[in-house]
Protein backbone atom coordinates (compact mmCIF):
# COMPACT_ATOMS: atom_id res chain seq x y z
CA UNK A 1 -1.32 -9.60 -9.81
CA UNK A 2 -2.87 -6.16 -9.79
CA UNK A 3 -2.49 -3.70 -6.92
CA UNK A 4 -6.08 -4.43 -5.86
CA UNK A 5 -5.37 -8.18 -5.76
CA UNK A 6 -2.14 -7.59 -3.81
CA UNK A 7 -4.05 -5.54 -1.23
CA UNK A 8 -6.80 -8.15 -0.94
CA UNK A 9 -4.26 -10.94 -0.48
CA UNK A 10 -2.26 -8.99 2.12
CA UNK A 11 -5.40 -8.13 4.12
CA UNK A 12 -6.67 -11.71 3.90
CA UNK A 13 -3.31 -13.05 5.11
CA UNK A 14 -3.43 -10.64 8.08
CA UNK A 15 -7.03 -11.56 8.98
CA UNK A 16 -6.45 -15.32 8.70
CA UNK A 17 -3.52 -15.12 11.10
CA UNK A 18 -4.68 -12.42 13.55
CA UNK A 19 -8.42 -12.90 13.93
CA UNK A 20 -8.32 -15.82 16.36
CA UNK A 21 -6.44 -15.57 19.66
CA UNK A 22 -6.06 -19.32 20.31
CA UNK A 23 -3.11 -19.78 17.94
CA UNK A 24 -5.09 -21.27 15.06
CA UNK A 25 -5.50 -19.54 11.71
CA UNK A 26 -8.73 -18.96 9.86
CA UNK A 27 -9.06 -20.81 6.55
CA UNK A 28 -9.37 -19.41 3.03
CA UNK A 29 -13.07 -20.37 3.19
CA UNK A 30 -13.50 -18.22 6.33
CA UNK A 31 -11.86 -15.09 4.86
CA UNK A 32 -13.14 -14.51 1.32
CA UNK A 33 -13.16 -11.77 -1.26
CA UNK A 34 -16.60 -10.19 -1.53
CA UNK A 35 -18.91 -10.73 -4.52
CA UNK A 36 -17.58 -14.04 -5.71
CA UNK A 37 -19.81 -16.04 -8.00
CA UNK A 38 -20.28 -18.86 -5.50
CA UNK A 39 -22.64 -19.88 -2.69
CA UNK A 40 -22.12 -18.26 0.68
CA UNK A 41 -19.96 -20.32 3.01
CA UNK A 42 -21.35 -21.43 6.36
CA UNK A 43 -21.09 -18.83 9.12
CA UNK A 44 -18.93 -17.53 10.66
CA UNK A 45 -16.86 -15.95 7.87
CA UNK A 46 -15.35 -12.61 6.85
CA UNK A 47 -15.54 -10.83 3.51
CA UNK A 48 -12.96 -8.34 2.24
CA UNK A 49 -13.59 -5.56 -0.29
CA UNK A 50 -11.28 -2.83 -1.59
CA UNK A 51 -13.62 0.18 -1.58
CA UNK A 52 -11.24 2.87 -2.85
CA UNK A 53 -8.03 1.54 -4.38
CA UNK A 54 -5.56 4.38 -4.66
CA UNK A 55 -5.84 7.84 -3.17
CA UNK A 56 -2.57 9.78 -3.34
CA UNK A 57 -1.00 10.46 0.05
CA UNK A 58 0.96 13.72 0.00
CA UNK A 59 2.58 14.09 -3.39
CA UNK A 60 4.64 11.89 -5.67
CA UNK A 61 8.37 12.48 -5.88
CA UNK A 62 10.67 12.42 -8.85
CA UNK A 63 13.74 10.27 -8.26
CA UNK A 64 16.83 10.68 -10.40
CA UNK A 65 19.53 8.13 -11.04
CA UNK A 66 21.68 6.44 -13.66
CA UNK A 67 20.90 3.14 -15.35
CA UNK A 68 23.40 1.69 -17.82
CA UNK A 69 25.21 5.01 -17.99
CA UNK A 70 22.02 6.86 -18.99
CA UNK A 71 20.43 9.40 -16.66
CA UNK A 72 16.90 8.33 -15.65
CA UNK A 73 13.91 9.66 -13.77
CA UNK A 74 11.15 7.69 -12.09
CA UNK A 75 8.22 8.55 -9.86
CA UNK A 76 7.57 7.18 -6.35
CA UNK A 77 4.74 7.81 -3.93
CA UNK A 78 2.37 6.42 -1.34
CA UNK A 79 -1.25 5.44 -1.94
CA UNK A 80 -4.12 4.86 0.46
CA UNK A 81 -6.80 2.24 -0.18
CA UNK A 82 -9.89 1.85 1.96
CA UNK A 83 -10.76 -1.76 2.72
CA UNK A 84 -14.06 -2.90 4.21
CA UNK A 85 -14.21 -6.13 6.19
CA UNK A 86 -17.62 -7.59 6.99
CA UNK A 87 -18.24 -10.44 9.37
CA UNK A 88 -21.16 -12.84 9.10
CA UNK A 89 -21.93 -14.77 12.29
CA UNK A 90 -21.73 -13.97 16.00
CA UNK A 91 -18.05 -14.95 16.34
CA UNK A 92 -16.93 -12.38 13.79
CA UNK A 93 -17.29 -9.43 16.19
CA UNK A 94 -14.53 -11.01 18.29
CA UNK A 95 -12.53 -11.90 15.17
CA UNK A 96 -12.51 -8.25 14.08
CA UNK A 97 -11.39 -7.11 17.53
CA UNK A 98 -8.63 -9.72 17.67
CA UNK A 99 -7.47 -8.68 14.19
CA UNK A 100 -7.17 -5.06 15.36
CA UNK A 101 -5.22 -6.08 18.46
CA UNK A 102 -3.05 -8.31 16.29
CA UNK A 103 -1.82 -5.36 14.23
CA UNK A 104 0.68 -4.64 17.01
CA UNK A 105 2.11 -8.18 17.15
CA UNK A 106 5.50 -8.73 15.52
CA UNK A 107 4.29 -11.83 13.67
CA UNK A 108 1.47 -9.83 12.07
CA UNK A 109 3.74 -6.89 11.28
CA UNK A 110 5.99 -9.34 9.43
CA UNK A 111 3.00 -10.49 7.34
CA UNK A 112 1.93 -6.94 6.41
CA UNK A 113 5.53 -5.88 5.75
CA UNK A 114 6.00 -8.88 3.42
CA UNK A 115 2.81 -7.83 1.60
CA UNK A 116 4.14 -4.25 1.28
CA UNK A 117 1.21 -2.72 3.17
CA UNK A 118 0.53 -0.81 6.36
CA UNK A 119 -2.92 -1.21 7.90
CA UNK A 120 -4.50 1.63 9.87
CA UNK A 121 -7.78 1.71 11.77
CA UNK A 122 -10.62 3.69 10.29
CA UNK A 123 -13.55 4.01 12.68
CA UNK A 124 -15.15 1.42 14.92
CA UNK A 125 -16.80 -1.94 14.40
CA UNK A 126 -20.40 -1.44 13.28
CA UNK A 127 -23.19 -3.86 14.15
CA UNK A 128 -25.12 -4.48 10.92
CA UNK A 129 -27.19 -7.44 12.11
CA UNK A 130 -30.27 -7.95 10.00
CA UNK A 131 -33.33 -10.12 9.59
CA UNK A 132 -32.54 -12.91 7.15
CA UNK A 133 -35.07 -15.60 6.31
CA UNK A 134 -36.56 -16.50 9.70
CA UNK A 135 -34.07 -14.97 12.13
CA UNK A 136 -31.56 -12.26 12.82
CA UNK A 137 -28.18 -12.82 11.20
CA UNK A 138 -25.35 -11.26 13.23
CA UNK A 139 -23.24 -9.05 10.93
CA UNK A 140 -20.38 -6.74 11.76
CA UNK A 141 -18.28 -4.38 9.66
CA UNK A 142 -15.04 -2.47 10.10
CA UNK A 143 -13.13 -0.32 7.64
CA UNK A 144 -9.36 0.03 7.41
CA UNK A 145 -6.95 2.21 5.50
CA UNK A 146 -4.19 0.34 3.72
CA UNK A 147 -1.07 2.30 2.77
CA UNK A 148 1.25 1.01 0.04
CA UNK A 149 4.14 2.36 -2.02
CA UNK A 150 4.13 2.80 -5.78
CA UNK A 151 7.10 3.34 -8.02
CA UNK A 152 7.30 3.54 -11.76
CA UNK A 153 7.36 5.69 -14.83
CA UNK A 154 11.08 5.23 -15.39
CA UNK A 155 12.29 7.11 -18.41
CA UNK A 156 15.62 8.12 -19.86
CA UNK A 157 16.40 11.81 -19.60
CA UNK A 158 17.33 12.40 -23.22
CA UNK A 159 16.79 16.13 -22.94
CA UNK A 160 20.08 16.48 -21.05
CA UNK A 161 22.74 18.04 -23.27
CA UNK A 162 26.47 18.53 -22.99
CA UNK A 163 27.43 22.17 -22.74
CA UNK A 164 30.84 23.74 -23.05
CA UNK A 165 31.54 26.98 -21.24
CA UNK A 166 34.73 28.99 -21.68
CA UNK A 167 35.66 31.71 -19.20
CA UNK A 168 38.55 34.13 -19.34
CA UNK A 169 39.91 35.79 -16.23
CA UNK A 170 41.73 38.99 -17.07
CA UNK A 171 43.31 39.33 -13.67
CA UNK A 172 45.23 42.49 -12.84
CA UNK A 173 45.95 45.09 -15.58
CA UNK A 174 49.64 44.46 -15.11
CA UNK A 175 49.14 40.68 -15.74
CA UNK A 176 50.49 39.93 -19.25
CA UNK A 177 48.69 36.54 -19.77
CA UNK A 178 44.92 36.08 -19.11
CA UNK A 179 43.81 32.70 -17.68
CA UNK A 180 41.30 30.74 -19.83
CA UNK A 181 39.56 27.61 -18.60
CA UNK A 182 36.91 25.35 -20.22
CA UNK A 183 34.20 23.49 -18.30
CA UNK A 184 32.31 20.67 -19.99
CA UNK A 185 29.11 19.56 -18.29
């Protein structure tokens, strides 16, 4: 899967488990990825969209190590994605609030940890209800930041060379034999 798909799946898993406080989970049909080429499901349901997939948080670090006796370097860092969740139907306002509360539950933290993501709140729930056909359709939206780690770019450090350095210590003028040592690095 791609990073975007991993984020979508992790967020969907969180929402399905956390959005209802009666111990039942939402179904795949109730928490969908936005813009699918399919008819809209019956309300209530949530849609998930990755709006911005990978802003750099801080700076990337170079990590050095040895693999198979060869010195290597790779790059590691943290990225921030913005995810928008929209709810269609009156019940989804409560679902979004329960999902936010659920972020502090150990069972939900285990789900997000397994997905390799950290979910942070970004603003409040917005009421986007709108006239649709012959009545008002209740719609709600909330955005979240999703933090995730990246690591890659491993390469062998072939530019490292072996150098030999010889140093002679003369010592005192009355010393008949100078000391010579060789360091190989």
